[in-house]
Amino acid sequence: MKEELSQKQKNQKKSSKNQENKGLRDFGKYSGLAFQMIVIILVMTWCGIKLDKVLGLSTPVFTIILSLLGVFAGIYAALKDFIR
């Protein structure tokens, strides 16, 4: 009886550890995804700012266009990872 009880306790400990590990893996996955989206948006916005300066535009046309493209690219990358 004690052996069965101790075996059940061991199984419960293992399952709780697996759930904790799964939580950490999910946290790592989604935080990495957030950083990926931020980097995509920032790089595209930076490129738009540089293009506007090089072309000497008074209105930030390329900044707006490339930042919006960066947002869409970030969403696309996130959805692609969610589907996997």
PDB file of N, CA and C in Angstrom:
ATOM      1  N   MET A   1       0.815  -1.182   0.000  1.00  0.00           N
ATOM      2  CA  MET A   1       0.000   0.000   0.000  1.00  0.00           C
ATOM      3  C   MET A   1       0.869   1.261   0.000  1.00  0.00           C
ATOM      4  N   LYS A   2       1.934   1.267   0.816  1.00  0.00           N
ATOM      5  CA  LYS A   2       2.814   2.423   0.869  1.00  0.00           C
ATOM      6  C   LYS A   2       3.551   2.604  -0.449  1.00  0.00           C
ATOM      7  N   GLU A   3       3.923   1.490  -1.077  1.00  0.00           N
ATOM      8  CA  GLU A   3       4.628   1.574  -2.343  1.00  0.00           C
ATOM      9  C   GLU A   3       3.737   2.186  -3.413  1.00  0.00           C
ATOM     10  N   GLU A   4       2.460   1.806  -3.413  1.00  0.00           N
ATOM     11  CA  GLU A   4       1.528   2.359  -4.389  1.00  0.00           C
ATOM     12  C   GLU A   4       1.323   3.855  -4.145  1.00  0.00           C
ATOM     13  N   LEU A   5       1.211   4.225  -2.893  1.00  0.00           N
ATOM     14  CA  LEU A   5       1.010   5.620  -2.554  1.00  0.00           C
ATOM     15  C   LEU A   5       2.228   6.449  -2.940  1.00  0.00           C
ATOM     16  N   SER A   6       3.390   5.923  -2.660  1.00  0.00           N
ATOM     17  CA  SER A   6       4.594   6.668  -3.004  1.00  0.00           C
ATOM     18  C   SER A   6       4.749   6.761  -4.524  1.00  0.00           C
ATOM     19  N   GLN A   7       4.345   5.732  -5.242  1.00  0.00           N
ATOM     20  CA  GLN A   7       4.409   5.751  -6.706  1.00  0.00           C
ATOM     21  C   GLN A   7       3.444   6.815  -7.254  1.00  0.00           C
ATOM     22  N   LYS A   8       2.264   6.916  -6.652  1.00  0.00           N
ATOM     23  CA  LYS A   8       1.297   7.927  -7.085  1.00  0.00           C
ATOM     24  C   LYS A   8       1.837   9.324  -6.824  1.00  0.00           C
ATOM     25  N   GLN A   9       2.483   9.485  -5.681  1.00  0.00           N
ATOM     26  CA  GLN A   9       3.057  10.789  -5.353  1.00  0.00           C
ATOM     27  C   GLN A   9       4.171  11.153  -6.329  1.00  0.00           C
ATOM     28  N   LYS A  10       4.988  10.167  -6.700  1.00  0.00           N
ATOM     29  CA  LYS A  10       6.050  10.410  -7.670  1.00  0.00           C
ATOM     30  C   LYS A  10       5.471  10.816  -9.012  1.00  0.00           C
ATOM     31  N   ASN A  11       4.396  10.138  -9.429  1.00  0.00           N
ATOM     32  CA  ASN A  11       3.767  10.472 -10.706  1.00  0.00           C
ATOM     33  C   ASN A  11       3.174  11.875 -10.674  1.00  0.00           C
ATOM     34  N   GLN A  12       2.604  12.257  -9.545  1.00  0.00           N
ATOM     35  CA  GLN A  12       2.037  13.598  -9.427  1.00  0.00           C
ATOM     36  C   GLN A  12       3.134  14.658  -9.485  1.00  0.00           C
ATOM     37  N   LYS A  13       4.270  14.374  -8.863  1.00  0.00           N
ATOM     38  CA  LYS A  13       5.384  15.311  -8.897  1.00  0.00           C
ATOM     39  C   LYS A  13       5.918  15.465 -10.310  1.00  0.00           C
ATOM     40  N   LYS A  14       6.013  14.340 -11.036  1.00  0.00           N
ATOM     41  CA  LYS A  14       6.501  14.384 -12.409  1.00  0.00           C
ATOM     42  C   LYS A  14       5.555  15.175 -13.296  1.00  0.00           C
ATOM     43  N   SER A  15       4.247  14.953 -13.129  1.00  0.00           N
ATOM     44  CA  SER A  15       3.291  15.669 -13.973  1.00  0.00           C
ATOM     45  C   SER A  15       3.284  17.160 -13.662  1.00  0.00           C
ATOM     46  N   SER A  16       3.478  17.526 -12.399  1.00  0.00           N
ATOM     47  CA  SER A  16       3.526  18.957 -12.067  1.00  0.00           C
ATOM     48  C   SER A  16       4.794  19.598 -12.629  1.00  0.00           C
ATOM     49  N   LYS A  17       5.916  18.852 -12.636  1.00  0.00           N
ATOM     50  CA  LYS A  17       7.146  19.377 -13.228  1.00  0.00           C
ATOM     51  C   LYS A  17       6.985  19.547 -14.729  1.00  0.00           C
ATOM     52  N   ASN A  18       6.327  18.592 -15.386  1.00  0.00           N
ATOM     53  CA  ASN A  18       6.105  18.697 -16.820  1.00  0.00           C
ATOM     54  C   ASN A  18       5.240  19.904 -17.142  1.00  0.00           C
ATOM     55  N   GLN A  19       4.246  20.180 -16.308  1.00  0.00           N
ATOM     56  CA  GLN A  19       3.394  21.336 -16.535  1.00  0.00           C
ATOM     57  C   GLN A  19       4.181  22.625 -16.341  1.00  0.00           C
ATOM     58  N   GLU A  20       5.071  22.661 -15.347  1.00  0.00           N
ATOM     59  CA  GLU A  20       5.905  23.840 -15.129  1.00  0.00           C
ATOM     60  C   GLU A  20       6.840  24.051 -16.313  1.00  0.00           C
ATOM     61  N   ASN A  21       7.445  22.971 -16.805  1.00  0.00           N
ATOM     62  CA  ASN A  21       8.342  23.075 -17.955  1.00  0.00           C
ATOM     63  C   ASN A  21       7.579  23.546 -19.185  1.00  0.00           C
ATOM     64  N   LYS A  22       6.359  23.062 -19.367  1.00  0.00           N
ATOM     65  CA  LYS A  22       5.554  23.480 -20.506  1.00  0.00           C
ATOM     66  C   LYS A  22       5.242  24.966 -20.404  1.00  0.00           C
ATOM     67  N   GLY A  23       4.956  25.433 -19.197  1.00  0.00           N
ATOM     68  CA  GLY A  23       4.696  26.847 -18.997  1.00  0.00           C
ATOM     69  C   GLY A  23       5.904  27.701 -19.324  1.00  0.00           C
ATOM     70  N   LEU A  24       7.079  27.237 -18.930  1.00  0.00           N
ATOM     71  CA  LEU A  24       8.305  27.974 -19.237  1.00  0.00           C
ATOM     72  C   LEU A  24       8.597  27.968 -20.730  1.00  0.00           C
ATOM     73  N   ARG A  25       8.358  26.830 -21.378  1.00  0.00           N
ATOM     74  CA  ARG A  25       8.563  26.766 -22.827  1.00  0.00           C
ATOM     75  C   ARG A  25       7.620  27.708 -23.554  1.00  0.00           C
ATOM     76  N   ASP A  26       6.362  27.724 -23.130  1.00  0.00           N
ATOM     77  CA  ASP A  26       5.387  28.621 -23.754  1.00  0.00           C
ATOM     78  C   ASP A  26       5.771  30.081 -23.531  1.00  0.00           C
ATOM     79  N   PHE A  27       6.215  30.407 -22.312  1.00  0.00           N
ATOM     80  CA  PHE A  27       6.639  31.768 -22.019  1.00  0.00           C
ATOM     81  C   PHE A  27       7.807  32.171 -22.912  1.00  0.00           C
ATOM     82  N   GLY A  28       8.777  31.291 -23.052  1.00  0.00           N
ATOM     83  CA  GLY A  28       9.926  31.574 -23.907  1.00  0.00           C
ATOM     84  C   GLY A  28       9.527  31.754 -25.357  1.00  0.00           C
ATOM     85  N   LYS A  29       8.628  30.915 -25.806  1.00  0.00           N
ATOM     86  CA  LYS A  29       8.182  30.980 -27.204  1.00  0.00           C
ATOM     87  C   LYS A  29       7.482  32.302 -27.486  1.00  0.00           C
ATOM     88  N   TYR A  30       6.545  32.682 -26.625  1.00  0.00           N
ATOM     89  CA  TYR A  30       5.751  33.875 -26.886  1.00  0.00           C
ATOM     90  C   TYR A  30       6.520  35.163 -26.605  1.00  0.00           C
ATOM     91  N   SER A  31       7.423  35.148 -25.649  1.00  0.00           N
ATOM     92  CA  SER A  31       8.224  36.351 -25.438  1.00  0.00           C
ATOM     93  C   SER A  31       9.213  36.538 -26.590  1.00  0.00           C
ATOM     94  N   GLY A  32       9.744  35.451 -27.112  1.00  0.00           N
ATOM     95  CA  GLY A  32      10.601  35.540 -28.293  1.00  0.00           C
ATOM     96  C   GLY A  32       9.838  36.056 -29.496  1.00  0.00           C
ATOM     97  N   LEU A  33       8.598  35.640 -29.609  1.00  0.00           N
ATOM     98  CA  LEU A  33       7.746  36.105 -30.695  1.00  0.00           C
ATOM     99  C   LEU A  33       7.480  37.606 -30.572  1.00  0.00           C
ATOM    100  N   ALA A  34       7.269  38.081 -29.355  1.00  0.00           N
ATOM    101  CA  ALA A  34       7.048  39.509 -29.136  1.00  0.00           C
ATOM    102  C   ALA A  34       8.288  40.319 -29.511  1.00  0.00           C
ATOM    103  N   PHE A  35       9.472  39.842 -29.110  1.00  0.00           N
ATOM    104  CA  PHE A  35      10.699  40.544 -29.468  1.00  0.00           C
ATOM    105  C   PHE A  35      10.903  40.556 -30.972  1.00  0.00           C
ATOM    106  N   GLN A  36      10.555  39.462 -31.636  1.00  0.00           N
ATOM    107  CA  GLN A  36      10.680  39.383 -33.086  1.00  0.00           C
ATOM    108  C   GLN A  36       9.784  40.427 -33.753  1.00  0.00           C
ATOM    109  N   MET A  37       8.564  40.559 -33.278  1.00  0.00           N
ATOM    110  CA  MET A  37       7.653  41.550 -33.837  1.00  0.00           C
ATOM    111  C   MET A  37       8.176  42.968 -33.610  1.00  0.00           C
ATOM    112  N   ILE A  38       8.687  43.237 -32.414  1.00  0.00           N
ATOM    113  CA  ILE A  38       9.217  44.567 -32.105  1.00  0.00           C
ATOM    114  C   ILE A  38      10.398  44.907 -33.008  1.00  0.00           C
ATOM    115  N   VAL A  39      11.280  43.954 -33.199  1.00  0.00           N
ATOM    116  CA  VAL A  39      12.459  44.195 -34.038  1.00  0.00           C
ATOM    117  C   VAL A  39      12.048  44.468 -35.482  1.00  0.00           C
ATOM    118  N   ILE A  40      11.103  43.698 -36.007  1.00  0.00           N
ATOM    119  CA  ILE A  40      10.647  43.908 -37.383  1.00  0.00           C
ATOM    120  C   ILE A  40      10.078  45.320 -37.548  1.00  0.00           C
ATOM    121  N   ILE A  41       9.233  45.718 -36.618  1.00  0.00           N
ATOM    122  CA  ILE A  41       8.606  47.041 -36.708  1.00  0.00           C
ATOM    123  C   ILE A  41       9.651  48.149 -36.582  1.00  0.00           C
ATOM    124  N   LEU A  42      10.575  48.010 -35.638  1.00  0.00           N
ATOM    125  CA  LEU A  42      11.595  49.043 -35.442  1.00  0.00           C
ATOM    126  C   LEU A  42      12.536  49.165 -36.641  1.00  0.00           C
ATOM    127  N   VAL A  43      12.927  48.049 -37.218  1.00  0.00           N
ATOM    128  CA  VAL A  43      13.831  48.090 -38.373  1.00  0.00           C
ATOM    129  C   VAL A  43      13.135  48.744 -39.568  1.00  0.00           C
ATOM    130  N   MET A  44      11.895  48.393 -39.806  1.00  0.00           N
ATOM    131  CA  MET A  44      11.165  48.977 -40.931  1.00  0.00           C
ATOM    132  C   MET A  44      10.953  50.476 -40.720  1.00  0.00           C
ATOM    133  N   THR A  45      10.644  50.885 -39.501  1.00  0.00           N
ATOM    134  CA  THR A  45      10.455  52.306 -39.210  1.00  0.00           C
ATOM    135  C   THR A  45      11.768  53.064 -39.368  1.00  0.00           C
ATOM    136  N   TRP A  46      12.857  52.476 -38.893  1.00  0.00           N
ATOM    137  CA  TRP A  46      14.176  53.101 -39.036  1.00  0.00           C
ATOM    138  C   TRP A  46      14.541  53.270 -40.512  1.00  0.00           C
ATOM    139  N   CYS A  47      14.253  52.246 -41.323  1.00  0.00           N
ATOM    140  CA  CYS A  47      14.519  52.348 -42.765  1.00  0.00           C
ATOM    141  C   CYS A  47      13.687  53.456 -43.397  1.00  0.00           C
ATOM    142  N   GLY A  48      12.441  53.600 -42.973  1.00  0.00           N
ATOM    143  CA  GLY A  48      11.592  54.666 -43.493  1.00  0.00           C
ATOM    144  C   GLY A  48      12.121  56.040 -43.133  1.00  0.00           C
ATOM    145  N   ILE A  49      12.606  56.202 -41.912  1.00  0.00           N
ATOM    146  CA  ILE A  49      13.172  57.483 -41.484  1.00  0.00           C
ATOM    147  C   ILE A  49      14.405  57.818 -42.319  1.00  0.00           C
ATOM    148  N   LYS A  50      15.264  56.820 -42.516  1.00  0.00           N
ATOM    149  CA  LYS A  50      16.482  57.049 -43.309  1.00  0.00           C
ATOM    150  C   LYS A  50      16.142  57.392 -44.757  1.00  0.00           C
ATOM    151  N   LEU A  51      15.158  56.702 -45.338  1.00  0.00           N
ATOM    152  CA  LEU A  51      14.762  57.008 -46.712  1.00  0.00           C
ATOM    153  C   LEU A  51      14.222  58.429 -46.825  1.00  0.00           C
ATOM    154  N   ASP A  52      13.425  58.840 -45.870  1.00  0.00           N
ATOM    155  CA  ASP A  52      12.890  60.203 -45.897  1.00  0.00           C
ATOM    156  C   ASP A  52      14.011  61.239 -45.806  1.00  0.00           C
ATOM    157  N   LYS A  53      15.015  60.968 -44.986  1.00  0.00           N
ATOM    158  CA  LYS A  53      16.138  61.901 -44.873  1.00  0.00           C
ATOM    159  C   LYS A  53      16.969  61.939 -46.151  1.00  0.00           C
ATOM    160  N   VAL A  54      17.241  60.768 -46.732  1.00  0.00           N
ATOM    161  CA  VAL A  54      18.065  60.705 -47.944  1.00  0.00           C
ATOM    162  C   VAL A  54      17.368  61.406 -49.105  1.00  0.00           C
ATOM    163  N   LEU A  55      16.066  61.205 -49.225  1.00  0.00           N
ATOM    164  CA  LEU A  55      15.330  61.814 -50.328  1.00  0.00           C
ATOM    165  C   LEU A  55      14.941  63.267 -50.043  1.00  0.00           C
ATOM    166  N   GLY A  56      15.122  63.713 -48.822  1.00  0.00           N
ATOM    167  CA  GLY A  56      14.836  65.097 -48.467  1.00  0.00           C
ATOM    168  C   GLY A  56      13.357  65.429 -48.462  1.00  0.00           C
ATOM    169  N   LEU A  57      12.531  64.478 -48.089  1.00  0.00           N
ATOM    170  CA  LEU A  57      11.090  64.719 -48.063  1.00  0.00           C
ATOM    171  C   LEU A  57      10.695  65.461 -46.787  1.00  0.00           C
ATOM    172  N   SER A  58       9.775  66.401 -46.935  1.00  0.00           N
ATOM    173  CA  SER A  58       9.325  67.149 -45.758  1.00  0.00           C
ATOM    174  C   SER A  58       8.256  66.391 -44.981  1.00  0.00           C
ATOM    175  N   THR A  59       7.508  65.546 -45.669  1.00  0.00           N
ATOM    176  CA  THR A  59       6.507  64.711 -44.985  1.00  0.00           C
ATOM    177  C   THR A  59       7.060  63.293 -44.871  1.00  0.00           C
ATOM    178  N   PRO A  60       6.815  62.629 -43.756  1.00  0.00           N
ATOM    179  CA  PRO A  60       7.394  61.290 -43.537  1.00  0.00           C
ATOM    180  C   PRO A  60       6.621  60.172 -44.257  1.00  0.00           C
ATOM    181  N   VAL A  61       6.614  60.238 -45.572  1.00  0.00           N
ATOM    182  CA  VAL A  61       5.849  59.274 -46.369  1.00  0.00           C
ATOM    183  C   VAL A  61       6.396  57.856 -46.185  1.00  0.00           C
ATOM    184  N   PHE A  62       7.692  57.688 -46.384  1.00  0.00           N
ATOM    185  CA  PHE A  62       8.274  56.349 -46.288  1.00  0.00           C
ATOM    186  C   PHE A  62       8.268  55.823 -44.854  1.00  0.00           C
ATOM    187  N   THR A  63       8.360  56.705 -43.888  1.00  0.00           N
ATOM    188  CA  THR A  63       8.283  56.283 -42.490  1.00  0.00           C
ATOM    189  C   THR A  63       6.922  55.675 -42.199  1.00  0.00           C
ATOM    190  N   ILE A  64       5.886  56.330 -42.663  1.00  0.00           N
ATOM    191  CA  ILE A  64       4.527  55.821 -42.438  1.00  0.00           C
ATOM    192  C   ILE A  64       4.311  54.508 -43.178  1.00  0.00           C
ATOM    193  N   ILE A  65       4.690  54.479 -44.453  1.00  0.00           N
ATOM    194  CA  ILE A  65       4.459  53.279 -45.267  1.00  0.00           C
ATOM    195  C   ILE A  65       5.250  52.092 -44.720  1.00  0.00           C
ATOM    196  N   LEU A  66       6.531  52.293 -44.449  1.00  0.00           N
ATOM    197  CA  LEU A  66       7.357  51.171 -43.995  1.00  0.00           C
ATOM    198  C   LEU A  66       7.018  50.739 -42.571  1.00  0.00           C
ATOM    199  N   SER A  67       6.592  51.665 -41.726  1.00  0.00           N
ATOM    200  CA  SER A  67       6.192  51.250 -40.378  1.00  0.00           C
ATOM    201  C   SER A  67       4.918  50.411 -40.430  1.00  0.00           C
ATOM    202  N   LEU A  68       3.970  50.790 -41.296  1.00  0.00           N
ATOM    203  CA  LEU A  68       2.763  49.969 -41.464  1.00  0.00           C
ATOM    204  C   LEU A  68       3.096  48.604 -42.065  1.00  0.00           C
ATOM    205  N   LEU A  69       4.005  48.589 -43.022  1.00  0.00           N
ATOM    206  CA  LEU A  69       4.445  47.299 -43.572  1.00  0.00           C
ATOM    207  C   LEU A  69       5.130  46.448 -42.499  1.00  0.00           C
ATOM    208  N   GLY A  70       5.864  47.100 -41.619  1.00  0.00           N
ATOM    209  CA  GLY A  70       6.507  46.385 -40.514  1.00  0.00           C
ATOM    210  C   GLY A  70       5.488  45.772 -39.568  1.00  0.00           C
ATOM    211  N   VAL A  71       4.411  46.506 -39.289  1.00  0.00           N
ATOM    212  CA  VAL A  71       3.351  45.969 -38.430  1.00  0.00           C
ATOM    213  C   VAL A  71       2.713  44.748 -39.091  1.00  0.00           C
ATOM    214  N   PHE A  72       2.407  44.875 -40.373  1.00  0.00           N
ATOM    215  CA  PHE A  72       1.803  43.738 -41.072  1.00  0.00           C
ATOM    216  C   PHE A  72       2.757  42.551 -41.155  1.00  0.00           C
ATOM    217  N   ALA A  73       4.045  42.823 -41.357  1.00  0.00           N
ATOM    218  CA  ALA A  73       5.032  41.740 -41.399  1.00  0.00           C
ATOM    219  C   ALA A  73       5.164  41.066 -40.036  1.00  0.00           C
ATOM    220  N   GLY A  74       5.106  41.854 -38.968  1.00  0.00           N
ATOM    221  CA  GLY A  74       5.159  41.283 -37.622  1.00  0.00           C
ATOM    222  C   GLY A  74       3.955  40.415 -37.323  1.00  0.00           C
ATOM    223  N   ILE A  75       2.769  40.878 -37.736  1.00  0.00           N
ATOM    224  CA  ILE A  75       1.552  40.081 -37.542  1.00  0.00           C
ATOM    225  C   ILE A  75       1.621  38.808 -38.360  1.00  0.00           C
ATOM    226  N   TYR A  76       2.129  38.914 -39.588  1.00  0.00           N
ATOM    227  CA  TYR A  76       2.266  37.726 -40.441  1.00  0.00           C
ATOM    228  C   TYR A  76       3.212  36.707 -39.806  1.00  0.00           C
ATOM    229  N   ALA A  77       4.327  37.170 -39.287  1.00  0.00           N
ATOM    230  CA  ALA A  77       5.293  36.267 -38.639  1.00  0.00           C
ATOM    231  C   ALA A  77       4.673  35.610 -37.410  1.00  0.00           C
ATOM    232  N   ALA A  78       3.896  36.375 -36.647  1.00  0.00           N
ATOM    233  CA  ALA A  78       3.253  35.821 -35.449  1.00  0.00           C
ATOM    234  C   ALA A  78       2.216  34.766 -35.834  1.00  0.00           C
ATOM    235  N   LEU A  79       1.408  35.059 -36.829  1.00  0.00           N
ATOM    236  CA  LEU A  79       0.387  34.087 -37.251  1.00  0.00           C
ATOM    237  C   LEU A  79       1.025  32.823 -37.821  1.00  0.00           C
ATOM    238  N   LYS A  80       2.111  33.000 -38.526  1.00  0.00           N
ATOM    239  CA  LYS A  80       2.821  31.841 -39.089  1.00  0.00           C
ATOM    240  C   LYS A  80       3.325  30.936 -37.960  1.00  0.00           C
ATOM    241  N   ASP A  81       3.823  31.538 -36.880  1.00  0.00           N
ATOM    242  CA  ASP A  81       4.292  30.739 -35.745  1.00  0.00           C
ATOM    243  C   ASP A  81       3.140  30.121 -34.959  1.00  0.00           C
ATOM    244  N   PHE A  82       2.011  30.836 -34.860  1.00  0.00           N
ATOM    245  CA  PHE A  82       0.862  30.286 -34.137  1.00  0.00           C
ATOM    246  C   PHE A  82       0.289  29.068 -34.858  1.00  0.00           C
ATOM    247  N   ILE A  83       0.286  29.110 -36.183  1.00  0.00           N
ATOM    248  CA  ILE A  83      -0.275  27.989 -36.949  1.00  0.00           C
ATOM    249  C   ILE A  83       0.602  26.761 -36.795  1.00  0.00           C
ATOM    250  N   ARG A  84       1.911  26.972 -36.683  1.00  0.00           N
ATOM    251  CA  ARG A  84       2.823  25.828 -36.502  1.00  0.00           C
ATOM    252  C   ARG A  84       2.594  25.245 -35.193  1.00  0.00           C
TER     253      ARG A  84
END
